[in-house]
Amino acid sequence: MLIATSAVHAESPEKTAEEFVQLSTSQGPSAAVILYHPNDVQRVHDKILLMCEREAESGRQQTRAALFGAGIRRLTKR
């Protein structure tokens, strides 16, 4: 079940919480991202990207490995 983000934000906090639980349990945690405001998603994206860039500069890949698994090292040059 896919819900338009604008429709969810018009609902009550209780309805949003119910949708979050339903999506998370039926399709996995990433399915609930549609319930977040687009600006919040962009902020998280930007922060994670910055963390990965800083780690790459220092020769580490902790965040990248935590998010994507150890196999990501073979797919990236950093």
N, C-alpha and C. Protein backbone atom coordinates (compact mmCIF):
# COMPACT_ATOMS: atom_id res chain seq x y z
N MET A 1 0.84 -1.18 0.00
CA MET A 1 0.00 0.00 0.00
C MET A 1 0.88 1.23 0.00
N LEU A 2 0.80 2.06 -1.02
CA LEU A 2 1.59 3.28 -1.14
C LEU A 2 0.69 4.46 -0.87
N ILE A 3 1.15 5.35 -0.01
CA ILE A 3 0.34 6.49 0.40
C ILE A 3 1.03 7.75 -0.04
N ALA A 4 0.30 8.66 -0.64
CA ALA A 4 0.89 9.93 -1.05
C ALA A 4 1.31 10.72 0.18
N THR A 5 2.49 11.28 0.14
CA THR A 5 3.03 12.00 1.30
C THR A 5 2.11 13.13 1.72
N SER A 6 1.60 13.90 0.78
CA SER A 6 0.75 15.05 1.14
C SER A 6 -0.52 14.61 1.85
N ALA A 7 -1.07 13.48 1.47
CA ALA A 7 -2.29 12.99 2.12
C ALA A 7 -2.00 12.56 3.55
N VAL A 8 -0.85 11.97 3.78
CA VAL A 8 -0.50 11.51 5.12
C VAL A 8 -0.31 12.70 6.05
N HIS A 9 0.34 13.75 5.57
CA HIS A 9 0.59 14.91 6.42
C HIS A 9 -0.71 15.63 6.78
N ALA A 10 -1.76 15.43 6.02
CA ALA A 10 -3.04 16.06 6.32
C ALA A 10 -3.78 15.29 7.42
N GLU A 11 -3.37 14.06 7.66
CA GLU A 11 -4.01 13.23 8.67
C GLU A 11 -3.52 13.61 10.07
N SER A 12 -4.10 12.99 11.08
CA SER A 12 -3.71 13.22 12.46
C SER A 12 -2.38 12.53 12.77
N PRO A 13 -1.69 12.95 13.83
CA PRO A 13 -0.46 12.26 14.23
C PRO A 13 -0.69 10.78 14.52
N GLU A 14 -1.83 10.45 15.07
CA GLU A 14 -2.15 9.05 15.36
C GLU A 14 -2.24 8.23 14.07
N LYS A 15 -2.88 8.81 13.05
CA LYS A 15 -3.02 8.11 11.77
C LYS A 15 -1.64 7.93 11.12
N THR A 16 -0.81 8.96 11.21
CA THR A 16 0.54 8.87 10.67
C THR A 16 1.33 7.78 11.38
N ALA A 17 1.21 7.71 12.71
CA ALA A 17 1.90 6.68 13.49
C ALA A 17 1.43 5.28 13.09
N GLU A 18 0.13 5.13 12.90
CA GLU A 18 -0.42 3.84 12.47
C GLU A 18 0.14 3.44 11.11
N GLU A 19 0.19 4.39 10.18
CA GLU A 19 0.71 4.12 8.84
C GLU A 19 2.20 3.76 8.91
N PHE A 20 2.94 4.45 9.79
CA PHE A 20 4.37 4.17 9.96
C PHE A 20 4.57 2.73 10.40
N VAL A 21 3.83 2.33 11.42
CA VAL A 21 3.96 0.96 11.94
C VAL A 21 3.55 -0.05 10.87
N GLN A 22 2.47 0.21 10.20
CA GLN A 22 1.99 -0.72 9.18
C GLN A 22 3.01 -0.88 8.05
N LEU A 23 3.51 0.23 7.53
CA LEU A 23 4.49 0.15 6.45
C LEU A 23 5.78 -0.50 6.91
N SER A 24 6.25 -0.14 8.09
CA SER A 24 7.51 -0.68 8.60
C SER A 24 7.44 -2.19 8.82
N THR A 25 6.32 -2.65 9.34
CA THR A 25 6.21 -4.08 9.63
C THR A 25 5.88 -4.90 8.39
N SER A 26 5.14 -4.34 7.46
CA SER A 26 4.75 -5.12 6.29
C SER A 26 5.78 -5.07 5.16
N GLN A 27 6.48 -3.94 5.03
CA GLN A 27 7.40 -3.79 3.90
C GLN A 27 8.83 -3.46 4.31
N GLY A 28 9.07 -3.30 5.60
CA GLY A 28 10.41 -2.97 6.08
C GLY A 28 10.51 -1.48 6.39
N PRO A 29 11.50 -1.12 7.19
CA PRO A 29 11.63 0.26 7.66
C PRO A 29 11.76 1.29 6.55
N SER A 30 12.40 0.94 5.46
CA SER A 30 12.60 1.92 4.39
C SER A 30 11.29 2.31 3.70
N ALA A 31 10.27 1.49 3.79
CA ALA A 31 8.99 1.81 3.15
C ALA A 31 8.32 3.00 3.81
N ALA A 32 8.62 3.24 5.08
CA ALA A 32 7.98 4.33 5.82
C ALA A 32 8.57 5.70 5.49
N VAL A 33 9.62 5.74 4.68
CA VAL A 33 10.23 7.03 4.34
C VAL A 33 9.24 7.96 3.64
N ILE A 34 8.23 7.42 3.00
CA ILE A 34 7.24 8.27 2.32
C ILE A 34 6.44 9.10 3.31
N LEU A 35 6.50 8.75 4.58
CA LEU A 35 5.77 9.49 5.59
C LEU A 35 6.53 10.72 6.09
N TYR A 36 7.81 10.81 5.76
CA TYR A 36 8.62 11.93 6.20
C TYR A 36 8.47 13.11 5.25
N HIS A 37 8.61 14.28 5.80
CA HIS A 37 8.58 15.48 4.98
C HIS A 37 9.79 15.48 4.05
N PRO A 38 9.64 15.87 2.80
CA PRO A 38 10.76 15.84 1.85
C PRO A 38 11.99 16.63 2.33
N ASN A 39 11.79 17.73 3.04
CA ASN A 39 12.93 18.49 3.55
C ASN A 39 13.72 17.70 4.59
N ASP A 40 13.02 16.92 5.41
CA ASP A 40 13.69 16.08 6.41
C ASP A 40 14.52 14.99 5.73
N VAL A 41 13.96 14.39 4.69
CA VAL A 41 14.68 13.36 3.95
C VAL A 41 15.92 13.95 3.31
N GLN A 42 15.81 15.14 2.74
CA GLN A 42 16.95 15.79 2.11
C GLN A 42 18.04 16.11 3.13
N ARG A 43 17.65 16.58 4.32
CA ARG A 43 18.63 16.88 5.37
C ARG A 43 19.39 15.63 5.79
N VAL A 44 18.69 14.53 5.96
CA VAL A 44 19.36 13.27 6.34
C VAL A 44 20.31 12.84 5.23
N HIS A 45 19.83 12.91 4.00
CA HIS A 45 20.67 12.56 2.85
C HIS A 45 21.96 13.39 2.84
N ASP A 46 21.83 14.69 3.01
CA ASP A 46 22.99 15.58 2.99
C ASP A 46 23.97 15.27 4.12
N LYS A 47 23.44 15.00 5.31
CA LYS A 47 24.31 14.68 6.45
C LYS A 47 25.07 13.37 6.23
N ILE A 48 24.39 12.37 5.72
CA ILE A 48 25.04 11.08 5.48
C ILE A 48 26.09 11.22 4.39
N LEU A 49 25.77 11.95 3.34
CA LEU A 49 26.73 12.17 2.26
C LEU A 49 27.98 12.88 2.78
N LEU A 50 27.79 13.90 3.60
CA LEU A 50 28.92 14.63 4.18
C LEU A 50 29.76 13.72 5.07
N MET A 51 29.11 12.89 5.88
CA MET A 51 29.83 11.93 6.73
C MET A 51 30.68 10.99 5.88
N CYS A 52 30.09 10.47 4.81
CA CYS A 52 30.82 9.54 3.94
C CYS A 52 32.00 10.23 3.27
N GLU A 53 31.82 11.46 2.85
CA GLU A 53 32.90 12.20 2.21
C GLU A 53 34.04 12.46 3.20
N ARG A 54 33.71 12.86 4.42
CA ARG A 54 34.74 13.12 5.44
C ARG A 54 35.49 11.84 5.80
N GLU A 55 34.75 10.74 5.92
CA GLU A 55 35.40 9.47 6.23
C GLU A 55 36.31 9.04 5.09
N ALA A 56 35.87 9.24 3.85
CA ALA A 56 36.69 8.85 2.69
C ALA A 56 37.99 9.65 2.67
N GLU A 57 37.92 10.92 3.02
CA GLU A 57 39.12 11.76 3.07
C GLU A 57 40.12 11.26 4.11
N SER A 58 39.61 10.67 5.17
CA SER A 58 40.50 10.18 6.22
C SER A 58 40.85 8.70 6.04
N GLY A 59 40.35 8.09 4.97
CA GLY A 59 40.67 6.69 4.69
C GLY A 59 39.78 5.69 5.38
N ARG A 60 38.72 6.15 6.03
CA ARG A 60 37.79 5.23 6.72
C ARG A 60 36.52 5.08 5.89
N GLN A 61 35.76 4.05 6.17
CA GLN A 61 34.49 3.82 5.49
C GLN A 61 33.46 3.24 6.44
N GLN A 62 33.47 3.67 7.68
CA GLN A 62 32.57 3.11 8.69
C GLN A 62 31.10 3.33 8.33
N THR A 63 30.74 4.55 7.99
CA THR A 63 29.34 4.86 7.68
C THR A 63 28.90 4.12 6.43
N ARG A 64 29.73 4.16 5.42
CA ARG A 64 29.40 3.49 4.16
C ARG A 64 29.22 1.99 4.39
N ALA A 65 30.12 1.37 5.14
CA ALA A 65 30.01 -0.06 5.42
C ALA A 65 28.79 -0.37 6.26
N ALA A 66 28.49 0.51 7.23
CA ALA A 66 27.32 0.27 8.09
C ALA A 66 26.03 0.36 7.29
N LEU A 67 25.97 1.28 6.34
CA LEU A 67 24.75 1.45 5.55
C LEU A 67 24.59 0.40 4.45
N PHE A 68 25.70 0.05 3.82
CA PHE A 68 25.62 -0.79 2.62
C PHE A 68 26.30 -2.13 2.73
N GLY A 69 26.95 -2.39 3.85
CA GLY A 69 27.63 -3.66 4.03
C GLY A 69 29.08 -3.63 3.54
N ALA A 70 29.81 -4.64 3.89
CA ALA A 70 31.23 -4.70 3.55
C ALA A 70 31.46 -4.79 2.05
N GLY A 71 30.51 -5.33 1.30
CA GLY A 71 30.66 -5.47 -0.14
C GLY A 71 30.79 -4.16 -0.88
N ILE A 72 30.38 -3.07 -0.26
CA ILE A 72 30.45 -1.77 -0.93
C ILE A 72 31.89 -1.39 -1.21
N ARG A 73 32.82 -1.87 -0.43
CA ARG A 73 34.23 -1.53 -0.63
C ARG A 73 34.72 -1.98 -2.01
N ARG A 74 34.20 -3.09 -2.47
CA ARG A 74 34.61 -3.59 -3.80
C ARG A 74 34.01 -2.74 -4.91
N LEU A 75 32.90 -2.08 -4.65
CA LEU A 75 32.20 -1.33 -5.69
C LEU A 75 32.61 0.13 -5.76
N THR A 76 33.34 0.60 -4.77
CA THR A 76 33.75 2.00 -4.75
C THR A 76 35.26 2.10 -4.77
N LYS A 77 35.74 3.22 -5.23
CA LYS A 77 37.19 3.42 -5.30
C LYS A 77 37.71 4.08 -4.04
N ARG A 78 36.83 4.61 -3.19
CA ARG A 78 37.27 5.27 -1.96
C ARG A 78 37.28 4.30 -0.83
